[in-house]
ModelCIF file with pLDDT and N, C-alpha, C, O atoms, coordinates in Angstrom:
data_MODEL
#
_entry.id   MODEL 
#
_entity.id                         1 
_entity.type                       polymer 
_entity.pdbx_number_of_molecules   1 
#
_entity_poly.entity_id                      1 
_entity_poly.type                           'polypeptide(L)' 
_entity_poly.nstd_linkage                   no 
_entity_poly.nstd_monomer                   no 
_entity_poly.pdbx_seq_one_letter_code       ENTTHVPRTHHSRTDPKDPAMPNASRPRRLPRLRRLLALATDNW 
_entity_poly.pdbx_seq_one_letter_code_can   ENTTHVPRTHHSRTDPKDPAMPNASRPRRLPRLRRLLALATDNW 
_entity_poly.pdbx_strand_id                 A 
#
loop_
_entity_poly_seq.entity_id 
_entity_poly_seq.num 
_entity_poly_seq.mon_id 
_entity_poly_seq.hetero 
1 1  GLU n 
1 2  ASN n 
1 3  THR n 
1 4  THR n 
1 5  HIS n 
1 6  VAL n 
1 7  PRO n 
1 8  ARG n 
1 9  THR n 
1 10 HIS n 
1 11 HIS n 
1 12 SER n 
1 13 ARG n 
1 14 THR n 
1 15 ASP n 
1 16 PRO n 
1 17 LYS n 
1 18 ASP n 
1 19 PRO n 
1 20 ALA n 
1 21 MET n 
1 22 PRO n 
1 23 ASN n 
1 24 ALA n 
1 25 SER n 
1 26 ARG n 
1 27 PRO n 
1 28 ARG n 
1 29 ARG n 
1 30 LEU n 
1 31 PRO n 
1 32 ARG n 
1 33 LEU n 
1 34 ARG n 
1 35 ARG n 
1 36 LEU n 
1 37 LEU n 
1 38 ALA n 
1 39 LEU n 
1 40 ALA n 
1 41 THR n 
1 42 ASP n 
1 43 ASN n 
1 44 TRP n 
#
_struct_asym.id          A 
_struct_asym.entity_id   1 
#
loop_
_ma_qa_metric.id 
_ma_qa_metric.mode 
_ma_qa_metric.name 
_ma_qa_metric.software_group_id 
_ma_qa_metric.type 
1 global pLDDT . pLDDT 
2 local  pLDDT . pLDDT 
#
_ma_qa_metric_global.metric_id      1 
_ma_qa_metric_global.metric_value   58.57 
_ma_qa_metric_global.model_id       1 
_ma_qa_metric_global.ordinal_id     1 
#
loop_
_ma_qa_metric_local.label_asym_id 
_ma_qa_metric_local.label_comp_id 
_ma_qa_metric_local.label_seq_id 
_ma_qa_metric_local.metric_id 
_ma_qa_metric_local.metric_value 
_ma_qa_metric_local.model_id 
_ma_qa_metric_local.ordinal_id 
A GLU 1  2 50.00 1 1  
A ASN 2  2 53.00 1 2  
A THR 3  2 49.00 1 3  
A THR 4  2 49.00 1 4  
A HIS 5  2 50.00 1 5  
A VAL 6  2 46.00 1 6  
A PRO 7  2 47.00 1 7  
A ARG 8  2 49.00 1 8  
A THR 9  2 47.00 1 9  
A HIS 10 2 47.00 1 10 
A HIS 11 2 45.00 1 11 
A SER 12 2 45.00 1 12 
A ARG 13 2 45.00 1 13 
A THR 14 2 45.00 1 14 
A ASP 15 2 49.00 1 15 
A PRO 16 2 46.00 1 16 
A LYS 17 2 47.00 1 17 
A ASP 18 2 47.00 1 18 
A PRO 19 2 46.00 1 19 
A ALA 20 2 46.00 1 20 
A MET 21 2 45.00 1 21 
A PRO 22 2 46.00 1 22 
A ASN 23 2 47.00 1 23 
A ALA 24 2 44.00 1 24 
A SER 25 2 40.00 1 25 
A ARG 26 2 42.00 1 26 
A PRO 27 2 44.00 1 27 
A ARG 28 2 47.00 1 28 
A ARG 29 2 49.00 1 29 
A LEU 30 2 53.00 1 30 
A PRO 31 2 67.00 1 31 
A ARG 32 2 75.00 1 32 
A LEU 33 2 79.00 1 33 
A ARG 34 2 84.00 1 34 
A ARG 35 2 83.00 1 35 
A LEU 36 2 84.00 1 36 
A LEU 37 2 87.00 1 37 
A ALA 38 2 86.00 1 38 
A LEU 39 2 86.00 1 39 
A ALA 40 2 87.00 1 40 
A THR 41 2 89.00 1 41 
A ASP 42 2 86.00 1 42 
A ASN 43 2 87.00 1 43 
A TRP 44 2 92.00 1 44 
#
loop_
_atom_site.group_PDB 
_atom_site.id 
_atom_site.type_symbol 
_atom_site.label_atom_id 
_atom_site.label_alt_id 
_atom_site.label_comp_id 
_atom_site.label_asym_id 
_atom_site.label_entity_id 
_atom_site.label_seq_id 
_atom_site.pdbx_PDB_ins_code 
_atom_site.Cartn_x 
_atom_site.Cartn_y 
_atom_site.Cartn_z 
_atom_site.occupancy 
_atom_site.B_iso_or_equiv 
_atom_site.pdbx_formal_charge 
_atom_site.auth_seq_id 
_atom_site.auth_comp_id 
_atom_site.auth_asym_id 
_atom_site.auth_atom_id 
_atom_site.pdbx_PDB_model_num 
ATOM 1   N N  . GLU A 1 1  ? -43.026 -110.611 -71.063 1.00 50.00 ? 1  GLU A N  1 
ATOM 2   C CA . GLU A 1 1  ? -42.315 -109.356 -70.949 1.00 50.00 ? 1  GLU A CA 1 
ATOM 3   C C  . GLU A 1 1  ? -42.690 -108.605 -69.683 1.00 50.00 ? 1  GLU A C  1 
ATOM 4   O O  . GLU A 1 1  ? -41.833 -108.025 -69.016 1.00 50.00 ? 1  GLU A O  1 
ATOM 5   N N  . ASN A 1 2  ? -43.998 -108.621 -69.352 1.00 53.00 ? 2  ASN A N  1 
ATOM 6   C CA . ASN A 1 2  ? -44.433 -107.942 -68.124 1.00 53.00 ? 2  ASN A CA 1 
ATOM 7   C C  . ASN A 1 2  ? -43.912 -108.625 -66.870 1.00 53.00 ? 2  ASN A C  1 
ATOM 8   O O  . ASN A 1 2  ? -43.647 -107.981 -65.854 1.00 53.00 ? 2  ASN A O  1 
ATOM 9   N N  . THR A 1 3  ? -43.769 -109.952 -66.963 1.00 49.00 ? 3  THR A N  1 
ATOM 10  C CA . THR A 1 3  ? -43.283 -110.698 -65.795 1.00 49.00 ? 3  THR A CA 1 
ATOM 11  C C  . THR A 1 3  ? -41.801 -110.491 -65.554 1.00 49.00 ? 3  THR A C  1 
ATOM 12  O O  . THR A 1 3  ? -41.376 -110.343 -64.408 1.00 49.00 ? 3  THR A O  1 
ATOM 13  N N  . THR A 1 4  ? -41.013 -110.478 -66.610 1.00 49.00 ? 4  THR A N  1 
ATOM 14  C CA . THR A 1 4  ? -39.543 -110.384 -66.477 1.00 49.00 ? 4  THR A CA 1 
ATOM 15  C C  . THR A 1 4  ? -39.046 -108.952 -66.434 1.00 49.00 ? 4  THR A C  1 
ATOM 16  O O  . THR A 1 4  ? -37.862 -108.730 -66.181 1.00 49.00 ? 4  THR A O  1 
ATOM 17  N N  . HIS A 1 5  ? -39.904 -107.975 -66.671 1.00 50.00 ? 5  HIS A N  1 
ATOM 18  C CA . HIS A 1 5  ? -39.452 -106.587 -66.670 1.00 50.00 ? 5  HIS A CA 1 
ATOM 19  C C  . HIS A 1 5  ? -39.261 -106.094 -65.235 1.00 50.00 ? 5  HIS A C  1 
ATOM 20  O O  . HIS A 1 5  ? -40.147 -106.233 -64.392 1.00 50.00 ? 5  HIS A O  1 
ATOM 21  N N  . VAL A 1 6  ? -38.093 -105.518 -64.980 1.00 46.00 ? 6  VAL A N  1 
ATOM 22  C CA . VAL A 1 6  ? -37.785 -104.974 -63.660 1.00 46.00 ? 6  VAL A CA 1 
ATOM 23  C C  . VAL A 1 6  ? -37.700 -103.461 -63.781 1.00 46.00 ? 6  VAL A C  1 
ATOM 24  O O  . VAL A 1 6  ? -36.878 -102.952 -64.542 1.00 46.00 ? 6  VAL A O  1 
ATOM 25  N N  . PRO A 1 7  ? -38.531 -102.733 -63.048 1.00 47.00 ? 7  PRO A N  1 
ATOM 26  C CA . PRO A 1 7  ? -38.509 -101.265 -63.158 1.00 47.00 ? 7  PRO A CA 1 
ATOM 27  C C  . PRO A 1 7  ? -37.184 -100.708 -62.653 1.00 47.00 ? 7  PRO A C  1 
ATOM 28  O O  . PRO A 1 7  ? -36.613 -101.186 -61.673 1.00 47.00 ? 7  PRO A O  1 
ATOM 29  N N  . ARG A 1 8  ? -36.724 -99.696  -63.349 1.00 49.00 ? 8  ARG A N  1 
ATOM 30  C CA . ARG A 1 8  ? -35.454 -99.044  -62.986 1.00 49.00 ? 8  ARG A CA 1 
ATOM 31  C C  . ARG A 1 8  ? -35.679 -98.127  -61.786 1.00 49.00 ? 8  ARG A C  1 
ATOM 32  O O  . ARG A 1 8  ? -36.624 -97.340  -61.738 1.00 49.00 ? 8  ARG A O  1 
ATOM 33  N N  . THR A 1 9  ? -34.806 -98.258  -60.857 1.00 47.00 ? 9  THR A N  1 
ATOM 34  C CA . THR A 1 9  ? -34.883 -97.414  -59.657 1.00 47.00 ? 9  THR A CA 1 
ATOM 35  C C  . THR A 1 9  ? -33.838 -96.324  -59.754 1.00 47.00 ? 9  THR A C  1 
ATOM 36  O O  . THR A 1 9  ? -32.764 -96.524  -60.323 1.00 47.00 ? 9  THR A O  1 
ATOM 37  N N  . HIS A 1 10 ? -34.153 -95.191  -59.206 1.00 47.00 ? 10 HIS A N  1 
ATOM 38  C CA . HIS A 1 10 ? -33.269 -94.032  -59.265 1.00 47.00 ? 10 HIS A CA 1 
ATOM 39  C C  . HIS A 1 10 ? -32.712 -93.764  -57.865 1.00 47.00 ? 10 HIS A C  1 
ATOM 40  O O  . HIS A 1 10 ? -33.462 -93.448  -56.942 1.00 47.00 ? 10 HIS A O  1 
ATOM 41  N N  . HIS A 1 11 ? -31.417 -93.888  -57.720 1.00 45.00 ? 11 HIS A N  1 
ATOM 42  C CA . HIS A 1 11 ? -30.772 -93.680  -56.424 1.00 45.00 ? 11 HIS A CA 1 
ATOM 43  C C  . HIS A 1 11 ? -30.206 -92.245  -56.404 1.00 45.00 ? 11 HIS A C  1 
ATOM 44  O O  . HIS A 1 11 ? -29.205 -91.933  -57.048 1.00 45.00 ? 11 HIS A O  1 
ATOM 45  N N  . SER A 1 12 ? -30.880 -91.419  -55.654 1.00 45.00 ? 12 SER A N  1 
ATOM 46  C CA . SER A 1 12 ? -30.456 -90.022  -55.617 1.00 45.00 ? 12 SER A CA 1 
ATOM 47  C C  . SER A 1 12 ? -29.159 -89.836  -54.842 1.00 45.00 ? 12 SER A C  1 
ATOM 48  O O  . SER A 1 12 ? -28.473 -88.831  -55.029 1.00 45.00 ? 12 SER A O  1 
ATOM 49  N N  . ARG A 1 13 ? -28.807 -90.786  -53.974 1.00 45.00 ? 13 ARG A N  1 
ATOM 50  C CA . ARG A 1 13 ? -27.613 -90.611  -53.162 1.00 45.00 ? 13 ARG A CA 1 
ATOM 51  C C  . ARG A 1 13 ? -26.338 -90.954  -53.918 1.00 45.00 ? 13 ARG A C  1 
ATOM 52  O O  . ARG A 1 13 ? -25.274 -90.408  -53.628 1.00 45.00 ? 13 ARG A O  1 
ATOM 53  N N  . THR A 1 14 ? -26.449 -91.886  -54.916 1.00 45.00 ? 14 THR A N  1 
ATOM 54  C CA . THR A 1 14 ? -25.252 -92.328  -55.614 1.00 45.00 ? 14 THR A CA 1 
ATOM 55  C C  . THR A 1 14 ? -25.124 -91.721  -56.987 1.00 45.00 ? 14 THR A C  1 
ATOM 56  O O  . THR A 1 14 ? -24.061 -91.840  -57.596 1.00 45.00 ? 14 THR A O  1 
ATOM 57  N N  . ASP A 1 15 ? -26.152 -91.074  -57.509 1.00 49.00 ? 15 ASP A N  1 
ATOM 58  C CA . ASP A 1 15 ? -26.079 -90.491  -58.832 1.00 49.00 ? 15 ASP A CA 1 
ATOM 59  C C  . ASP A 1 15 ? -25.353 -89.162  -58.735 1.00 49.00 ? 15 ASP A C  1 
ATOM 60  O O  . ASP A 1 15 ? -25.845 -88.249  -58.071 1.00 49.00 ? 15 ASP A O  1 
ATOM 61  N N  . PRO A 1 16 ? -24.182 -89.020  -59.384 1.00 46.00 ? 16 PRO A N  1 
ATOM 62  C CA . PRO A 1 16 ? -23.452 -87.761  -59.241 1.00 46.00 ? 16 PRO A CA 1 
ATOM 63  C C  . PRO A 1 16 ? -24.128 -86.599  -59.939 1.00 46.00 ? 16 PRO A C  1 
ATOM 64  O O  . PRO A 1 16 ? -23.831 -85.444  -59.637 1.00 46.00 ? 16 PRO A O  1 
ATOM 65  N N  . LYS A 1 17 ? -25.052 -86.887  -60.888 1.00 47.00 ? 17 LYS A N  1 
ATOM 66  C CA . LYS A 1 17 ? -25.719 -85.810  -61.611 1.00 47.00 ? 17 LYS A CA 1 
ATOM 67  C C  . LYS A 1 17 ? -26.993 -85.363  -60.937 1.00 47.00 ? 17 LYS A C  1 
ATOM 68  O O  . LYS A 1 17 ? -27.650 -84.439  -61.416 1.00 47.00 ? 17 LYS A O  1 
ATOM 69  N N  . ASP A 1 18 ? -27.356 -85.985  -59.853 1.00 47.00 ? 18 ASP A N  1 
ATOM 70  C CA . ASP A 1 18 ? -28.600 -85.649  -59.176 1.00 47.00 ? 18 ASP A CA 1 
ATOM 71  C C  . ASP A 1 18 ? -28.451 -84.310  -58.466 1.00 47.00 ? 18 ASP A C  1 
ATOM 72  O O  . ASP A 1 18 ? -27.572 -84.181  -57.614 1.00 47.00 ? 18 ASP A O  1 
ATOM 73  N N  . PRO A 1 19 ? -29.278 -83.301  -58.781 1.00 46.00 ? 19 PRO A N  1 
ATOM 74  C CA . PRO A 1 19 ? -29.133 -82.008  -58.118 1.00 46.00 ? 19 PRO A CA 1 
ATOM 75  C C  . PRO A 1 19 ? -29.491 -82.054  -56.655 1.00 46.00 ? 19 PRO A C  1 
ATOM 76  O O  . PRO A 1 19 ? -29.100 -81.171  -55.891 1.00 46.00 ? 19 PRO A O  1 
ATOM 77  N N  . ALA A 1 20 ? -30.245 -83.093  -56.242 1.00 46.00 ? 20 ALA A N  1 
ATOM 78  C CA . ALA A 1 20 ? -30.647 -83.178  -54.843 1.00 46.00 ? 20 ALA A CA 1 
ATOM 79  C C  . ALA A 1 20 ? -29.608 -83.863  -53.975 1.00 46.00 ? 20 ALA A C  1 
ATOM 80  O O  . ALA A 1 20 ? -29.881 -84.189  -52.820 1.00 46.00 ? 20 ALA A O  1 
ATOM 81  N N  . MET A 1 21 ? -28.404 -84.089  -54.526 1.00 45.00 ? 21 MET A N  1 
ATOM 82  C CA . MET A 1 21 ? -27.350 -84.761  -53.762 1.00 45.00 ? 21 MET A CA 1 
ATOM 83  C C  . MET A 1 21 ? -26.955 -83.907  -52.575 1.00 45.00 ? 21 MET A C  1 
ATOM 84  O O  . MET A 1 21 ? -26.680 -82.722  -52.759 1.00 45.00 ? 21 MET A O  1 
ATOM 85  N N  . PRO A 1 22 ? -26.912 -84.447  -51.362 1.00 46.00 ? 22 PRO A N  1 
ATOM 86  C CA . PRO A 1 22 ? -26.614 -83.626  -50.182 1.00 46.00 ? 22 PRO A CA 1 
ATOM 87  C C  . PRO A 1 22 ? -25.192 -83.101  -50.221 1.00 46.00 ? 22 PRO A C  1 
ATOM 88  O O  . PRO A 1 22 ? -24.281 -83.777  -50.699 1.00 46.00 ? 22 PRO A O  1 
ATOM 89  N N  . ASN A 1 23 ? -25.010 -81.896  -49.719 1.00 47.00 ? 23 ASN A N  1 
ATOM 90  C CA . ASN A 1 23 ? -23.686 -81.291  -49.689 1.00 47.00 ? 23 ASN A CA 1 
ATOM 91  C C  . ASN A 1 23 ? -22.763 -81.955  -48.683 1.00 47.00 ? 23 ASN A C  1 
ATOM 92  O O  . ASN A 1 23 ? -21.549 -81.756  -48.723 1.00 47.00 ? 23 ASN A O  1 
ATOM 93  N N  . ALA A 1 24 ? -23.345 -82.758  -47.765 1.00 44.00 ? 24 ALA A N  1 
ATOM 94  C CA . ALA A 1 24 ? -22.510 -83.421  -46.753 1.00 44.00 ? 24 ALA A CA 1 
ATOM 95  C C  . ALA A 1 24 ? -21.597 -84.461  -47.354 1.00 44.00 ? 24 ALA A C  1 
ATOM 96  O O  . ALA A 1 24 ? -20.606 -84.848  -46.733 1.00 44.00 ? 24 ALA A O  1 
ATOM 97  N N  . SER A 1 25 ? -21.922 -84.937  -48.590 1.00 40.00 ? 25 SER A N  1 
ATOM 98  C CA . SER A 1 25 ? -21.063 -85.939  -49.211 1.00 40.00 ? 25 SER A CA 1 
ATOM 99  C C  . SER A 1 25 ? -19.771 -85.336  -49.704 1.00 40.00 ? 25 SER A C  1 
ATOM 100 O O  . SER A 1 25 ? -18.831 -86.062  -50.026 1.00 40.00 ? 25 SER A O  1 
ATOM 101 N N  . ARG A 1 26 ? -19.710 -84.035  -49.768 1.00 42.00 ? 26 ARG A N  1 
ATOM 102 C CA . ARG A 1 26 ? -18.481 -83.363  -50.163 1.00 42.00 ? 26 ARG A CA 1 
ATOM 103 C C  . ARG A 1 26 ? -17.940 -82.616  -48.944 1.00 42.00 ? 26 ARG A C  1 
ATOM 104 O O  . ARG A 1 26 ? -18.241 -81.435  -48.769 1.00 42.00 ? 26 ARG A O  1 
ATOM 105 N N  . PRO A 1 27 ? -17.168 -83.265  -48.119 1.00 44.00 ? 27 PRO A N  1 
ATOM 106 C CA . PRO A 1 27 ? -16.728 -82.631  -46.866 1.00 44.00 ? 27 PRO A CA 1 
ATOM 107 C C  . PRO A 1 27 ? -15.820 -81.444  -47.145 1.00 44.00 ? 27 PRO A C  1 
ATOM 108 O O  . PRO A 1 27 ? -14.962 -81.479  -48.027 1.00 44.00 ? 27 PRO A O  1 
ATOM 109 N N  . ARG A 1 28 ? -16.032 -80.413  -46.381 1.00 47.00 ? 28 ARG A N  1 
ATOM 110 C CA . ARG A 1 28 ? -15.189 -79.236  -46.485 1.00 47.00 ? 28 ARG A CA 1 
ATOM 111 C C  . ARG A 1 28 ? -13.913 -79.460  -45.684 1.00 47.00 ? 28 ARG A C  1 
ATOM 112 O O  . ARG A 1 28 ? -13.939 -79.944  -44.553 1.00 47.00 ? 28 ARG A O  1 
ATOM 113 N N  . ARG A 1 29 ? -12.818 -79.099  -46.294 1.00 49.00 ? 29 ARG A N  1 
ATOM 114 C CA . ARG A 1 29 ? -11.520 -79.241  -45.629 1.00 49.00 ? 29 ARG A CA 1 
ATOM 115 C C  . ARG A 1 29 ? -11.120 -77.894  -45.034 1.00 49.00 ? 29 ARG A C  1 
ATOM 116 O O  . ARG A 1 29 ? -11.094 -76.876  -45.727 1.00 49.00 ? 29 ARG A O  1 
ATOM 117 N N  . LEU A 1 30 ? -10.817 -77.906  -43.769 1.00 53.00 ? 30 LEU A N  1 
ATOM 118 C CA . LEU A 1 30 ? -10.375 -76.690  -43.100 1.00 53.00 ? 30 LEU A CA 1 
ATOM 119 C C  . LEU A 1 30 ? -8.986  -76.332  -43.597 1.00 53.00 ? 30 LEU A C  1 
ATOM 120 O O  . LEU A 1 30 ? -8.094  -77.180  -43.580 1.00 53.00 ? 30 LEU A O  1 
ATOM 121 N N  . PRO A 1 31 ? -8.777  -75.092  -44.041 1.00 67.00 ? 31 PRO A N  1 
ATOM 122 C CA . PRO A 1 31 ? -7.433  -74.699  -44.496 1.00 67.00 ? 31 PRO A CA 1 
ATOM 123 C C  . PRO A 1 31 ? -6.414  -74.902  -43.395 1.00 67.00 ? 31 PRO A C  1 
ATOM 124 O O  . PRO A 1 31 ? -6.708  -74.741  -42.210 1.00 67.00 ? 31 PRO A O  1 
ATOM 125 N N  . ARG A 1 32 ? -5.222  -75.256  -43.805 1.00 75.00 ? 32 ARG A N  1 
ATOM 126 C CA . ARG A 1 32 ? -4.191  -75.586  -42.820 1.00 75.00 ? 32 ARG A CA 1 
ATOM 127 C C  . ARG A 1 32 ? -3.776  -74.368  -42.004 1.00 75.00 ? 32 ARG A C  1 
ATOM 128 O O  . ARG A 1 32 ? -3.387  -74.503  -40.844 1.00 75.00 ? 32 ARG A O  1 
ATOM 129 N N  . LEU A 1 33 ? -3.856  -73.187  -42.597 1.00 79.00 ? 33 LEU A N  1 
ATOM 130 C CA . LEU A 1 33 ? -3.501  -72.006  -41.825 1.00 79.00 ? 33 LEU A CA 1 
ATOM 131 C C  . LEU A 1 33 ? -4.501  -71.772  -40.698 1.00 79.00 ? 33 LEU A C  1 
ATOM 132 O O  . LEU A 1 33 ? -4.109  -71.440  -39.580 1.00 79.00 ? 33 LEU A O  1 
ATOM 133 N N  . ARG A 1 34 ? -5.783  -71.942  -40.983 1.00 84.00 ? 34 ARG A N  1 
ATOM 134 C CA . ARG A 1 34 ? -6.784  -71.791  -39.930 1.00 84.00 ? 34 ARG A CA 1 
ATOM 135 C C  . ARG A 1 34 ? -6.631  -72.865  -38.867 1.00 84.00 ? 34 ARG A C  1 
ATOM 136 O O  . ARG A 1 34 ? -6.821  -72.594  -37.681 1.00 84.00 ? 34 ARG A O  1 
ATOM 137 N N  . ARG A 1 35 ? -6.293  -74.075  -39.274 1.00 83.00 ? 35 ARG A N  1 
ATOM 138 C CA . ARG A 1 35 ? -6.082  -75.140  -38.283 1.00 83.00 ? 35 ARG A CA 1 
ATOM 139 C C  . ARG A 1 35 ? -4.839  -74.869  -37.451 1.00 83.00 ? 35 ARG A C  1 
ATOM 140 O O  . ARG A 1 35 ? -4.805  -75.176  -36.260 1.00 83.00 ? 35 ARG A O  1 
ATOM 141 N N  . LEU A 1 36 ? -3.817  -74.293  -38.077 1.00 84.00 ? 36 LEU A N  1 
ATOM 142 C CA . LEU A 1 36 ? -2.617  -73.930  -37.321 1.00 84.00 ? 36 LEU A CA 1 
ATOM 143 C C  . LEU A 1 36 ? -2.944  -72.873  -36.273 1.00 84.00 ? 36 LEU A C  1 
ATOM 144 O O  . LEU A 1 36 ? -2.484  -72.962  -35.135 1.00 84.00 ? 36 LEU A O  1 
ATOM 145 N N  . LEU A 1 37 ? -3.733  -71.879  -36.651 1.00 87.00 ? 37 LEU A N  1 
ATOM 146 C CA . LEU A 1 37 ? -4.138  -70.855  -35.696 1.00 87.00 ? 37 LEU A CA 1 
ATOM 147 C C  . LEU A 1 37 ? -4.995  -71.441  -34.581 1.00 87.00 ? 37 LEU A C  1 
ATOM 148 O O  . LEU A 1 37 ? -4.887  -71.040  -33.422 1.00 87.00 ? 37 LEU A O  1 
ATOM 149 N N  . ALA A 1 38 ? -5.851  -72.398  -34.948 1.00 86.00 ? 38 ALA A N  1 
ATOM 150 C CA . ALA A 1 38 ? -6.700  -73.018  -33.932 1.00 86.00 ? 38 ALA A CA 1 
ATOM 151 C C  . ALA A 1 38 ? -5.869  -73.804  -32.927 1.00 86.00 ? 38 ALA A C  1 
ATOM 152 O O  . ALA A 1 38 ? -6.128  -73.735  -31.726 1.00 86.00 ? 38 ALA A O  1 
ATOM 153 N N  . LEU A 1 39 ? -4.872  -74.554  -33.402 1.00 86.00 ? 39 LEU A N  1 
ATOM 154 C CA . LEU A 1 39 ? -4.025  -75.313  -32.491 1.00 86.00 ? 39 LEU A CA 1 
ATOM 155 C C  . LEU A 1 39 ? -3.212  -74.396  -31.583 1.00 86.00 ? 39 LEU A C  1 
ATOM 156 O O  . LEU A 1 39 ? -2.906  -74.756  -30.446 1.00 86.00 ? 39 LEU A O  1 
ATOM 157 N N  . ALA A 1 40 ? -2.861  -73.208  -32.087 1.00 87.00 ? 40 ALA A N  1 
ATOM 158 C CA . ALA A 1 40 ? -2.025  -72.293  -31.314 1.00 87.00 ? 40 ALA A CA 1 
ATOM 159 C C  . ALA A 1 40 ? -2.809  -71.479  -30.301 1.00 87.00 ? 40 ALA A C  1 
ATOM 160 O O  . ALA A 1 40 ? -2.207  -70.817  -29.456 1.00 87.00 ? 40 ALA A O  1 
ATOM 161 N N  . THR A 1 41 ? -4.135  -71.509  -30.360 1.00 89.00 ? 41 THR A N  1 
ATOM 162 C CA . THR A 1 41 ? -4.925  -70.641  -29.473 1.00 89.00 ? 41 THR A CA 1 
ATOM 163 C C  . THR A 1 41 ? -6.069  -71.347  -28.770 1.00 89.00 ? 41 THR A C  1 
ATOM 164 O O  . THR A 1 41 ? -6.750  -70.719  -27.959 1.00 89.00 ? 41 THR A O  1 
ATOM 165 N N  . ASP A 1 42 ? -6.313  -72.615  -29.040 1.00 86.00 ? 42 ASP A N  1 
ATOM 166 C CA . ASP A 1 42 ? -7.518  -73.272  -28.522 1.00 86.00 ? 42 ASP A CA 1 
ATOM 167 C C  . ASP A 1 42 ? -7.337  -73.956  -27.171 1.00 86.00 ? 42 ASP A C  1 
ATOM 168 O O  . ASP A 1 42 ? -8.313  -74.469  -26.624 1.00 86.00 ? 42 ASP A O  1 
ATOM 169 N N  . ASN A 1 43 ? -6.141  -73.983  -26.617 1.00 87.00 ? 43 ASN A N  1 
ATOM 170 C CA . ASN A 1 43 ? -5.957  -74.642  -25.324 1.00 87.00 ? 43 ASN A CA 1 
ATOM 171 C C  . ASN A 1 43 ? -4.979  -73.822  -24.491 1.00 87.00 ? 43 ASN A C  1 
ATOM 172 O O  . ASN A 1 43 ? -4.224  -72.997  -25.004 1.00 87.00 ? 43 ASN A O  1 
ATOM 173 N N  . TRP A 1 44 ? -5.023  -74.083  -23.176 1.00 92.00 ? 44 TRP A N  1 
ATOM 174 C CA . TRP A 1 44 ? -4.243  -73.278  -22.235 1.00 92.00 ? 44 TRP A CA 1 
ATOM 175 C C  . TRP A 1 44 ? -2.737  -73.456  -22.379 1.00 92.00 ? 44 TRP A C  1 
ATOM 176 O O  . TRP A 1 44 ? -1.969  -72.834  -21.646 1.00 92.00 ? 44 TRP A O  1 
#
């Protein structure tokens, strides 16, 4: 039993219930109105 037992590993990056999951995995989407304003004013 000791030989064949494989310890369980905890993957914090793939576990959706992990509170330490980085916020970068949930990308923020820029609202289309703000992007429209940016396109209308960001270049000459």
